[in-house]
PDB file of all heavy atoms in Angstrom:
ATOM      1  N   GLU A   1       0.820  -1.219   0.000  1.00  0.00           N
ATOM      2  CA  GLU A   1       0.000   0.000   0.000  1.00  0.00           C
ATOM      3  C   GLU A   1       0.855   1.270   0.000  1.00  0.00           C
ATOM      4  O   GLU A   1       0.611   2.198  -0.773  1.00  0.00           O
ATOM      5  CB  GLU A   1      -0.934  -0.011   1.211  1.00  0.00           C
ATOM      6  CG  GLU A   1      -1.947   1.109   1.194  1.00  0.00           C
ATOM      7  CD  GLU A   1      -2.933   1.019   2.350  1.00  0.00           C
ATOM      8  OE1 GLU A   1      -3.236  -0.098   2.801  1.00  0.00           O
ATOM      9  OE2 GLU A   1      -3.404   2.091   2.765  1.00  0.00           O
ATOM     10  N   ALA A   2       1.880   1.304   0.843  1.00  0.00           N
ATOM     11  CA  ALA A   2       2.738   2.493   0.920  1.00  0.00           C
ATOM     12  C   ALA A   2       3.513   2.695  -0.385  1.00  0.00           C
ATOM     13  O   ALA A   2       3.634   3.825  -0.860  1.00  0.00           O
ATOM     14  CB  ALA A   2       3.705   2.354   2.094  1.00  0.00           C
ATOM     15  N   GLY A   3       4.014   1.630  -0.952  1.00  0.00           N
ATOM     16  CA  GLY A   3       4.761   1.727  -2.203  1.00  0.00           C
ATOM     17  C   GLY A   3       3.906   2.222  -3.347  1.00  0.00           C
ATOM     18  O   GLY A   3       4.338   3.058  -4.149  1.00  0.00           O
ATOM     19  N   ARG A   4       2.675   1.712  -3.438  1.00  0.00           N
ATOM     20  CA  ARG A   4       1.775   2.159  -4.505  1.00  0.00           C
ATOM     21  C   ARG A   4       1.437   3.643  -4.360  1.00  0.00           C
ATOM     22  O   ARG A   4       1.433   4.386  -5.342  1.00  0.00           O
ATOM     23  CB  ARG A   4       0.501   1.310  -4.523  1.00  0.00           C
ATOM     24  CG  ARG A   4       0.714  -0.081  -5.098  1.00  0.00           C
ATOM     25  CD  ARG A   4      -0.586  -0.834  -5.260  1.00  0.00           C
ATOM     26  NE  ARG A   4      -1.169  -1.209  -3.969  1.00  0.00           N
ATOM     27  CZ  ARG A   4      -0.860  -2.318  -3.295  1.00  0.00           C
ATOM     28  NH1 ARG A   4       0.033  -3.160  -3.776  1.00  0.00           N
ATOM     29  NH2 ARG A   4      -1.439  -2.583  -2.153  1.00  0.00           N
ATOM     30  N   ALA A   5       1.158   4.087  -3.145  1.00  0.00           N
ATOM     31  CA  ALA A   5       0.845   5.499  -2.925  1.00  0.00           C
ATOM     32  C   ALA A   5       2.059   6.374  -3.218  1.00  0.00           C
ATOM     33  O   ALA A   5       1.944   7.413  -3.876  1.00  0.00           O
ATOM     34  CB  ALA A   5       0.367   5.710  -1.491  1.00  0.00           C
ATOM     35  N   GLY A   6       3.222   5.948  -2.775  1.00  0.00           N
ATOM     36  CA  GLY A   6       4.430   6.727  -2.977  1.00  0.00           C
ATOM     37  C   GLY A   6       4.826   6.842  -4.433  1.00  0.00           C
ATOM     38  O   GLY A   6       5.211   7.914  -4.899  1.00  0.00           O
ATOM     39  N   ARG A   7       4.708   5.752  -5.172  1.00  0.00           N
ATOM     40  CA  ARG A   7       5.175   5.799  -6.567  1.00  0.00           C
ATOM     41  C   ARG A   7       4.315   6.719  -7.423  1.00  0.00           C
ATOM     42  O   ARG A   7       4.817   7.337  -8.345  1.00  0.00           O
ATOM     43  CB  ARG A   7       5.282   4.400  -7.161  1.00  0.00           C
ATOM     44  CG  ARG A   7       4.000   3.677  -7.388  1.00  0.00           C
ATOM     45  CD  ARG A   7       4.272   2.260  -7.881  1.00  0.00           C
ATOM     46  NE  ARG A   7       3.042   1.520  -8.019  1.00  0.00           N
ATOM     47  CZ  ARG A   7       2.934   0.230  -7.786  1.00  0.00           C
ATOM     48  NH1 ARG A   7       3.982  -0.470  -7.424  1.00  0.00           N
ATOM     49  NH2 ARG A   7       1.786  -0.376  -7.936  1.00  0.00           N
ATOM     50  N   GLU A   8       3.041   6.825  -7.126  1.00  0.00           N
ATOM     51  CA  GLU A   8       2.181   7.727  -7.897  1.00  0.00           C
ATOM     52  C   GLU A   8       2.582   9.181  -7.655  1.00  0.00           C
ATOM     53  O   GLU A   8       2.695   9.965  -8.595  1.00  0.00           O
ATOM     54  CB  GLU A   8       0.711   7.492  -7.542  1.00  0.00           C
ATOM     55  CG  GLU A   8       0.203   6.115  -7.924  1.00  0.00           C
ATOM     56  CD  GLU A   8       0.416   5.761  -9.390  1.00  0.00           C
ATOM     57  OE1 GLU A   8       0.200   6.619 -10.269  1.00  0.00           O
ATOM     58  OE2 GLU A   8       0.818   4.610  -9.650  1.00  0.00           O
ATOM     59  N   ASP A   9       2.796   9.532  -6.395  1.00  0.00           N
ATOM     60  CA  ASP A   9       3.202  10.893  -6.055  1.00  0.00           C
ATOM     61  C   ASP A   9       4.561  11.225  -6.677  1.00  0.00           C
ATOM     62  O   ASP A   9       4.734  12.287  -7.277  1.00  0.00           O
ATOM     63  CB  ASP A   9       3.269  11.055  -4.529  1.00  0.00           C
ATOM     64  CG  ASP A   9       3.823  12.418  -4.132  1.00  0.00           C
ATOM     65  OD1 ASP A   9       3.176  13.438  -4.450  1.00  0.00           O
ATOM     66  OD2 ASP A   9       4.903  12.450  -3.514  1.00  0.00           O
ATOM     67  N   ILE A  10       5.494  10.319  -6.560  1.00  0.00           N
ATOM     68  CA  ILE A  10       6.843  10.546  -7.093  1.00  0.00           C
ATOM     69  C   ILE A  10       6.804  10.679  -8.614  1.00  0.00           C
ATOM     70  O   ILE A  10       7.453  11.556  -9.181  1.00  0.00           O
ATOM     71  CB  ILE A  10       7.781   9.408  -6.650  1.00  0.00           C
ATOM     72  CG1 ILE A  10       7.963   9.451  -5.132  1.00  0.00           C
ATOM     73  CG2 ILE A  10       9.125   9.486  -7.375  1.00  0.00           C
ATOM     74  CD1 ILE A  10       8.591   8.198  -4.550  1.00  0.00           C
ATOM     75  N   ALA A  11       6.037   9.829  -9.264  1.00  0.00           N
ATOM     76  CA  ALA A  11       5.945   9.877 -10.733  1.00  0.00           C
ATOM     77  C   ALA A  11       5.438  11.236 -11.204  1.00  0.00           C
ATOM     78  O   ALA A  11       5.987  11.823 -12.138  1.00  0.00           O
ATOM     79  CB  ALA A  11       5.043   8.757 -11.249  1.00  0.00           C
ATOM     80  N   VAL A  12       4.414  11.747 -10.566  1.00  0.00           N
ATOM     81  CA  VAL A  12       3.852  13.048 -10.960  1.00  0.00           C
ATOM     82  C   VAL A  12       4.887  14.148 -10.765  1.00  0.00           C
ATOM     83  O   VAL A  12       5.069  15.008 -11.631  1.00  0.00           O
ATOM     84  CB  VAL A  12       2.565  13.346 -10.147  1.00  0.00           C
ATOM     85  CG1 VAL A  12       2.123  14.792 -10.316  1.00  0.00           C
ATOM     86  CG2 VAL A  12       1.457  12.390 -10.553  1.00  0.00           C
ATOM     87  N   ARG A  13       5.595  14.118  -9.652  1.00  0.00           N
ATOM     88  CA  ARG A  13       6.570  15.172  -9.357  1.00  0.00           C
ATOM     89  C   ARG A  13       7.772  15.136 -10.298  1.00  0.00           C
ATOM     90  O   ARG A  13       8.243  16.172 -10.742  1.00  0.00           O
ATOM     91  CB  ARG A  13       7.019  15.060  -7.907  1.00  0.00           C
ATOM     92  CG  ARG A  13       5.893  15.440  -6.948  1.00  0.00           C
ATOM     93  CD  ARG A  13       6.162  15.030  -5.530  1.00  0.00           C
ATOM     94  NE  ARG A  13       7.369  15.630  -4.978  1.00  0.00           N
ATOM     95  CZ  ARG A  13       7.887  15.249  -3.809  1.00  0.00           C
ATOM     96  NH1 ARG A  13       7.308  14.290  -3.100  1.00  0.00           N
ATOM     97  NH2 ARG A  13       8.986  15.824  -3.367  1.00  0.00           N
ATOM     98  N   LEU A  14       8.273  13.939 -10.619  1.00  0.00           N
ATOM     99  CA  LEU A  14       9.464  13.841 -11.459  1.00  0.00           C
ATOM    100  C   LEU A  14       9.153  13.967 -12.946  1.00  0.00           C
ATOM    101  O   LEU A  14      10.025  14.339 -13.727  1.00  0.00           O
ATOM    102  CB  LEU A  14      10.204  12.531 -11.189  1.00  0.00           C
ATOM    103  CG  LEU A  14      10.764  12.351  -9.779  1.00  0.00           C
ATOM    104  CD1 LEU A  14      11.504  11.017  -9.669  1.00  0.00           C
ATOM    105  CD2 LEU A  14      11.663  13.505  -9.378  1.00  0.00           C
ATOM    106  N   ALA A  15       7.927  13.659 -13.349  1.00  0.00           N
ATOM    107  CA  ALA A  15       7.557  13.717 -14.770  1.00  0.00           C
ATOM    108  C   ALA A  15       7.594  15.142 -15.325  1.00  0.00           C
ATOM    109  O   ALA A  15       7.608  15.332 -16.529  1.00  0.00           O
ATOM    110  CB  ALA A  15       6.174  13.117 -14.979  1.00  0.00           C
ATOM    111  N   ARG A  16       7.674  16.119 -14.460  1.00  0.00           N
ATOM    112  CA  ARG A  16       7.779  17.518 -14.919  1.00  0.00           C
ATOM    113  C   ARG A  16       9.098  17.793 -15.628  1.00  0.00           C
ATOM    114  O   ARG A  16       9.179  18.696 -16.438  1.00  0.00           O
ATOM    115  CB  ARG A  16       7.616  18.480 -13.742  1.00  0.00           C
ATOM    116  CG  ARG A  16       6.228  18.445 -13.123  1.00  0.00           C
ATOM    117  CD  ARG A  16       6.128  19.360 -11.938  1.00  0.00           C
ATOM    118  NE  ARG A  16       7.086  18.919 -10.915  1.00  0.00           N
ATOM    119  CZ  ARG A  16       7.674  19.721 -10.047  1.00  0.00           C
ATOM    120  NH1 ARG A  16       7.427  21.011 -10.061  1.00  0.00           N
ATOM    121  NH2 ARG A  16       8.510  19.249  -9.157  1.00  0.00           N
ATOM    122  N   PHE A  17      10.140  16.991 -15.313  1.00  0.00           N
ATOM    123  CA  PHE A  17      11.451  17.279 -15.893  1.00  0.00           C
ATOM    124  C   PHE A  17      12.197  16.059 -16.430  1.00  0.00           C
ATOM    125  O   PHE A  17      13.356  16.185 -16.839  1.00  0.00           O
ATOM    126  CB  PHE A  17      12.338  18.032 -14.890  1.00  0.00           C
ATOM    127  CG  PHE A  17      12.532  17.325 -13.570  1.00  0.00           C
ATOM    128  CD1 PHE A  17      13.489  16.331 -13.418  1.00  0.00           C
ATOM    129  CD2 PHE A  17      11.765  17.676 -12.483  1.00  0.00           C
ATOM    130  CE1 PHE A  17      13.674  15.705 -12.203  1.00  0.00           C
ATOM    131  CE2 PHE A  17      11.940  17.052 -11.258  1.00  0.00           C
ATOM    132  CZ  PHE A  17      12.899  16.064 -11.116  1.00  0.00           C
ATOM    133  N   ALA A  18      11.574  14.907 -16.487  1.00  0.00           N
ATOM    134  CA  ALA A  18      12.245  13.715 -17.027  1.00  0.00           C
ATOM    135  C   ALA A  18      11.191  12.705 -17.470  1.00  0.00           C
ATOM    136  O   ALA A  18      10.018  12.811 -17.099  1.00  0.00           O
ATOM    137  CB  ALA A  18      13.156  13.092 -15.971  1.00  0.00           C
ATOM    138  N   PHE A  19      11.627  11.720 -18.264  1.00  0.00           N
ATOM    139  CA  PHE A  19      10.745  10.628 -18.656  1.00  0.00           C
ATOM    140  C   PHE A  19      10.702   9.652 -17.486  1.00  0.00           C
ATOM    141  O   PHE A  19      11.740   9.165 -17.025  1.00  0.00           O
ATOM    142  CB  PHE A  19      11.266   9.918 -19.908  1.00  0.00           C
ATOM    143  CG  PHE A  19      10.473   8.701 -20.253  1.00  0.00           C
ATOM    144  CD1 PHE A  19       9.263   8.807 -20.906  1.00  0.00           C
ATOM    145  CD2 PHE A  19      10.932   7.441 -19.900  1.00  0.00           C
ATOM    146  CE1 PHE A  19       8.526   7.680 -21.216  1.00  0.00           C
ATOM    147  CE2 PHE A  19      10.208   6.307 -20.200  1.00  0.00           C
ATOM    148  CZ  PHE A  19       8.996   6.433 -20.853  1.00  0.00           C
ATOM    149  N   VAL A  20       9.510   9.351 -16.992  1.00  0.00           N
ATOM    150  CA  VAL A  20       9.360   8.496 -15.821  1.00  0.00           C
ATOM    151  C   VAL A  20       8.553   7.257 -16.185  1.00  0.00           C
ATOM    152  O   VAL A  20       7.503   7.353 -16.830  1.00  0.00           O
ATOM    153  CB  VAL A  20       8.638   9.252 -14.673  1.00  0.00           C
ATOM    154  CG1 VAL A  20       8.403   8.333 -13.487  1.00  0.00           C
ATOM    155  CG2 VAL A  20       9.439  10.477 -14.260  1.00  0.00           C
ATOM    156  N   ARG A  21       9.065   6.131 -15.752  1.00  0.00           N
ATOM    157  CA  ARG A  21       8.343   4.873 -15.907  1.00  0.00           C
ATOM    158  C   ARG A  21       8.181   4.261 -14.520  1.00  0.00           C
ATOM    159  O   ARG A  21       9.121   4.238 -13.727  1.00  0.00           O
ATOM    160  CB  ARG A  21       9.114   3.909 -16.802  1.00  0.00           C
ATOM    161  CG  ARG A  21       8.303   2.663 -17.127  1.00  0.00           C
ATOM    162  CD  ARG A  21       9.011   1.792 -18.107  1.00  0.00           C
ATOM    163  NE  ARG A  21       9.999   1.011 -17.381  1.00  0.00           N
ATOM    164  CZ  ARG A  21      10.806   0.140 -17.957  1.00  0.00           C
ATOM    165  NH1 ARG A  21      10.783  -0.032 -19.248  1.00  0.00           N
ATOM    166  NH2 ARG A  21      11.660  -0.548 -17.247  1.00  0.00           N
ATOM    167  N   VAL A  22       6.992   3.791 -14.227  1.00  0.00           N
ATOM    168  CA  VAL A  22       6.714   3.165 -12.940  1.00  0.00           C
ATOM    169  C   VAL A  22       6.712   1.651 -13.139  1.00  0.00           C
ATOM    170  O   VAL A  22       6.023   1.142 -14.022  1.00  0.00           O
ATOM    171  CB  VAL A  22       5.355   3.633 -12.376  1.00  0.00           C
ATOM    172  CG1 VAL A  22       5.016   2.892 -11.097  1.00  0.00           C
ATOM    173  CG2 VAL A  22       5.358   5.137 -12.149  1.00  0.00           C
ATOM    174  N   HIS A  23       7.503   0.956 -12.327  1.00  0.00           N
ATOM    175  CA  HIS A  23       7.513  -0.498 -12.381  1.00  0.00           C
ATOM    176  C   HIS A  23       6.577  -1.028 -11.301  1.00  0.00           C
ATOM    177  O   HIS A  23       6.717  -0.691 -10.129  1.00  0.00           O
ATOM    178  CB  HIS A  23       8.920  -1.056 -12.146  1.00  0.00           C
ATOM    179  CG  HIS A  23       8.952  -2.545 -12.092  1.00  0.00           C
ATOM    180  ND1 HIS A  23       8.862  -3.311 -13.235  1.00  0.00           N
ATOM    181  CD2 HIS A  23       9.019  -3.410 -11.063  1.00  0.00           C
ATOM    182  CE1 HIS A  23       8.895  -4.592 -12.899  1.00  0.00           C
ATOM    183  NE2 HIS A  23       8.980  -4.662 -11.583  1.00  0.00           N
ATOM    184  N   CYS A  24       5.614  -1.848 -11.703  1.00  0.00           N
ATOM    185  CA  CYS A  24       4.698  -2.488 -10.761  1.00  0.00           C
ATOM    186  C   CYS A  24       5.028  -3.972 -10.724  1.00  0.00           C
ATOM    187  O   CYS A  24       5.106  -4.626 -11.768  1.00  0.00           O
ATOM    188  CB  CYS A  24       3.251  -2.297 -11.208  1.00  0.00           C
ATOM    189  SG  CYS A  24       2.758  -0.575 -11.338  1.00  0.00           S
ATOM    190  N   PHE A  25       5.224  -4.501  -9.543  1.00  0.00           N
ATOM    191  CA  PHE A  25       5.490  -5.926  -9.399  1.00  0.00           C
ATOM    192  C   PHE A  25       4.201  -6.714  -9.583  1.00  0.00           C
ATOM    193  O   PHE A  25       3.112  -6.209  -9.320  1.00  0.00           O
ATOM    194  CB  PHE A  25       6.105  -6.218  -8.028  1.00  0.00           C
ATOM    195  CG  PHE A  25       7.513  -5.730  -7.899  1.00  0.00           C
ATOM    196  CD1 PHE A  25       7.786  -4.525  -7.277  1.00  0.00           C
ATOM    197  CD2 PHE A  25       8.563  -6.461  -8.413  1.00  0.00           C
ATOM    198  CE1 PHE A  25       9.082  -4.064  -7.156  1.00  0.00           C
ATOM    199  CE2 PHE A  25       9.871  -6.015  -8.306  1.00  0.00           C
ATOM    200  CZ  PHE A  25      10.123  -4.815  -7.679  1.00  0.00           C
ATOM    201  N   ASP A  26       4.335  -7.950 -10.008  1.00  0.00           N
ATOM    202  CA  ASP A  26       3.168  -8.774 -10.328  1.00  0.00           C
ATOM    203  C   ASP A  26       2.499  -9.399  -9.112  1.00  0.00           C
ATOM    204  O   ASP A  26       1.406  -9.936  -9.227  1.00  0.00           O
ATOM    205  CB  ASP A  26       3.547  -9.863 -11.338  1.00  0.00           C
ATOM    206  CG  ASP A  26       4.678 -10.755 -10.855  1.00  0.00           C
ATOM    207  OD1 ASP A  26       5.245 -10.492  -9.773  1.00  0.00           O
ATOM    208  OD2 ASP A  26       5.000 -11.717 -11.568  1.00  0.00           O
ATOM    209  N   GLN A  27       3.141  -9.333  -7.939  1.00  0.00           N
ATOM    210  CA  GLN A  27       2.563  -9.944  -6.739  1.00  0.00           C
ATOM    211  C   GLN A  27       2.683  -9.004  -5.552  1.00  0.00           C
ATOM    212  O   GLN A  27       3.693  -8.306  -5.390  1.00  0.00           O
ATOM    213  CB  GLN A  27       3.286 -11.243  -6.394  1.00  0.00           C
ATOM    214  CG  GLN A  27       3.133 -12.333  -7.407  1.00  0.00           C
ATOM    215  CD  GLN A  27       3.986 -13.550  -7.049  1.00  0.00           C
ATOM    216  OE1 GLN A  27       4.682 -13.563  -6.042  1.00  0.00           O
ATOM    217  NE2 GLN A  27       3.933 -14.566  -7.887  1.00  0.00           N
ATOM    218  N   GLU A  28       1.685  -9.001  -4.721  1.00  0.00           N
ATOM    219  CA  GLU A  28       1.699  -8.227  -3.489  1.00  0.00           C
ATOM    220  C   GLU A  28       2.914  -8.619  -2.646  1.00  0.00           C
ATOM    221  O   GLU A  28       3.239  -9.799  -2.537  1.00  0.00           O
ATOM    222  CB  GLU A  28       0.401  -8.481  -2.708  1.00  0.00           C
ATOM    223  CG  GLU A  28       0.278  -7.713  -1.421  1.00  0.00           C
ATOM    224  CD  GLU A  28      -0.021  -6.230  -1.629  1.00  0.00           C
ATOM    225  OE1 GLU A  28      -0.442  -5.823  -2.728  1.00  0.00           O
ATOM    226  OE2 GLU A  28       0.177  -5.476  -0.663  1.00  0.00           O
ATOM    227  N   GLY A  29       3.587  -7.628  -2.098  1.00  0.00           N
ATOM    228  CA  GLY A  29       4.724  -7.883  -1.222  1.00  0.00           C
ATOM    229  C   GLY A  29       6.073  -7.972  -1.923  1.00  0.00           C
ATOM    230  O   GLY A  29       7.100  -7.963  -1.255  1.00  0.00           O
ATOM    231  N   ARG A  30       6.066  -8.074  -3.249  1.00  0.00           N
ATOM    232  CA  ARG A  30       7.364  -8.147  -3.950  1.00  0.00           C
ATOM    233  C   ARG A  30       8.067  -6.807  -3.893  1.00  0.00           C
ATOM    234  O   ARG A  30       7.435  -5.760  -3.792  1.00  0.00           O
ATOM    235  CB  ARG A  30       7.171  -8.565  -5.405  1.00  0.00           C
ATOM    236  CG  ARG A  30       6.929 -10.066  -5.521  1.00  0.00           C
ATOM    237  CD  ARG A  30       7.200 -10.634  -6.867  1.00  0.00           C
ATOM    238  NE  ARG A  30       8.644 -10.731  -7.120  1.00  0.00           N
ATOM    239  CZ  ARG A  30       9.163 -10.897  -8.324  1.00  0.00           C
ATOM    240  NH1 ARG A  30       8.380 -10.987  -9.382  1.00  0.00           N
ATOM    241  NH2 ARG A  30      10.454 -10.984  -8.496  1.00  0.00           N
ATOM    242  N   GLN A  31       9.379  -6.878  -3.976  1.00  0.00           N
ATOM    243  CA  GLN A  31      10.206  -5.687  -3.924  1.00  0.00           C
ATOM    244  C   GLN A  31      11.486  -5.929  -4.706  1.00  0.00           C
ATOM    245  O   GLN A  31      11.741  -7.056  -5.128  1.00  0.00           O
ATOM    246  CB  GLN A  31      10.480  -5.302  -2.480  1.00  0.00           C
ATOM    247  CG  GLN A  31      11.023  -6.439  -1.617  1.00  0.00           C
ATOM    248  CD  GLN A  31      11.049  -6.053  -0.157  1.00  0.00           C
ATOM    249  OE1 GLN A  31      11.518  -4.982   0.195  1.00  0.00           O
ATOM    250  NE2 GLN A  31      10.540  -6.915   0.694  1.00  0.00           N
ATOM    251  N   PRO A  32      12.297  -4.903  -4.929  1.00  0.00           N
ATOM    252  CA  PRO A  32      13.501  -5.062  -5.742  1.00  0.00           C
ATOM    253  C   PRO A  32      14.426  -6.186  -5.281  1.00  0.00           C
ATOM    254  O   PRO A  32      15.073  -6.826  -6.100  1.00  0.00           O
ATOM    255  CB  PRO A  32      14.186  -3.696  -5.639  1.00  0.00           C
ATOM    256  CG  PRO A  32      13.058  -2.753  -5.431  1.00  0.00           C
ATOM    257  CD  PRO A  32      12.081  -3.497  -4.563  1.00  0.00           C
ATOM    258  N   THR A  33      14.483  -6.452  -3.992  1.00  0.00           N
ATOM    259  CA  THR A  33      15.368  -7.505  -3.497  1.00  0.00           C
ATOM    260  C   THR A  33      14.939  -8.888  -3.964  1.00  0.00           C
ATOM    261  O   THR A  33      15.726  -9.822  -3.936  1.00  0.00           O
ATOM    262  CB  THR A  33      15.452  -7.494  -1.960  1.00  0.00           C
ATOM    263  OG1 THR A  33      14.124  -7.601  -1.427  1.00  0.00           O
ATOM    264  CG2 THR A  33      16.132  -6.237  -1.455  1.00  0.00           C
ATOM    265  N   SER A  34      13.702  -9.033  -4.420  1.00  0.00           N
ATOM    266  CA  SER A  34      13.214 -10.348  -4.860  1.00  0.00           C
ATOM    267  C   SER A  34      13.459 -10.598  -6.351  1.00  0.00           C
ATOM    268  O   SER A  34      13.125 -11.663  -6.861  1.00  0.00           O
ATOM    269  CB  SER A  34      11.718 -10.494  -4.548  1.00  0.00           C
ATOM    270  OG  SER A  34      10.962  -9.572  -5.308  1.00  0.00           O
ATOM    271  N   LEU A  35      14.048  -9.631  -7.059  1.00  0.00           N
ATOM    272  CA  LEU A  35      14.296  -9.790  -8.491  1.00  0.00           C
ATOM    273  C   LEU A  35      15.506 -10.680  -8.754  1.00  0.00           C
ATOM    274  O   LEU A  35      16.510 -10.597  -8.043  1.00  0.00           O
ATOM    275  CB  LEU A  35      14.539  -8.427  -9.149  1.00  0.00           C
ATOM    276  CG  LEU A  35      13.358  -7.473  -9.214  1.00  0.00           C
ATOM    277  CD1 LEU A  35      13.813  -6.106  -9.690  1.00  0.00           C
ATOM    278  CD2 LEU A  35      12.281  -8.024 -10.119  1.00  0.00           C
ATOM    279  N   SER A  36      15.415 -11.496  -9.784  1.00  0.00           N
ATOM    280  CA  SER A  36      16.559 -12.296 -10.219  1.00  0.00           C
ATOM    281  C   SER A  36      17.439 -11.449 -11.132  1.00  0.00           C
ATOM    282  O   SER A  36      17.020 -10.385 -11.609  1.00  0.00           O
ATOM    283  CB  SER A  36      16.079 -13.529 -10.979  1.00  0.00           C
ATOM    284  OG  SER A  36      15.512 -13.139 -12.223  1.00  0.00           O
TER     285      SER A  36
END
């Protein structure tokens, strides 16, 4: 929940000056440390 809320706010703020892509994980609870 916190990650989803944060990424939307961050995307809007940074998109004013750069190309922004939001990565959404396919399962609840996943995070960058779980990537192969």
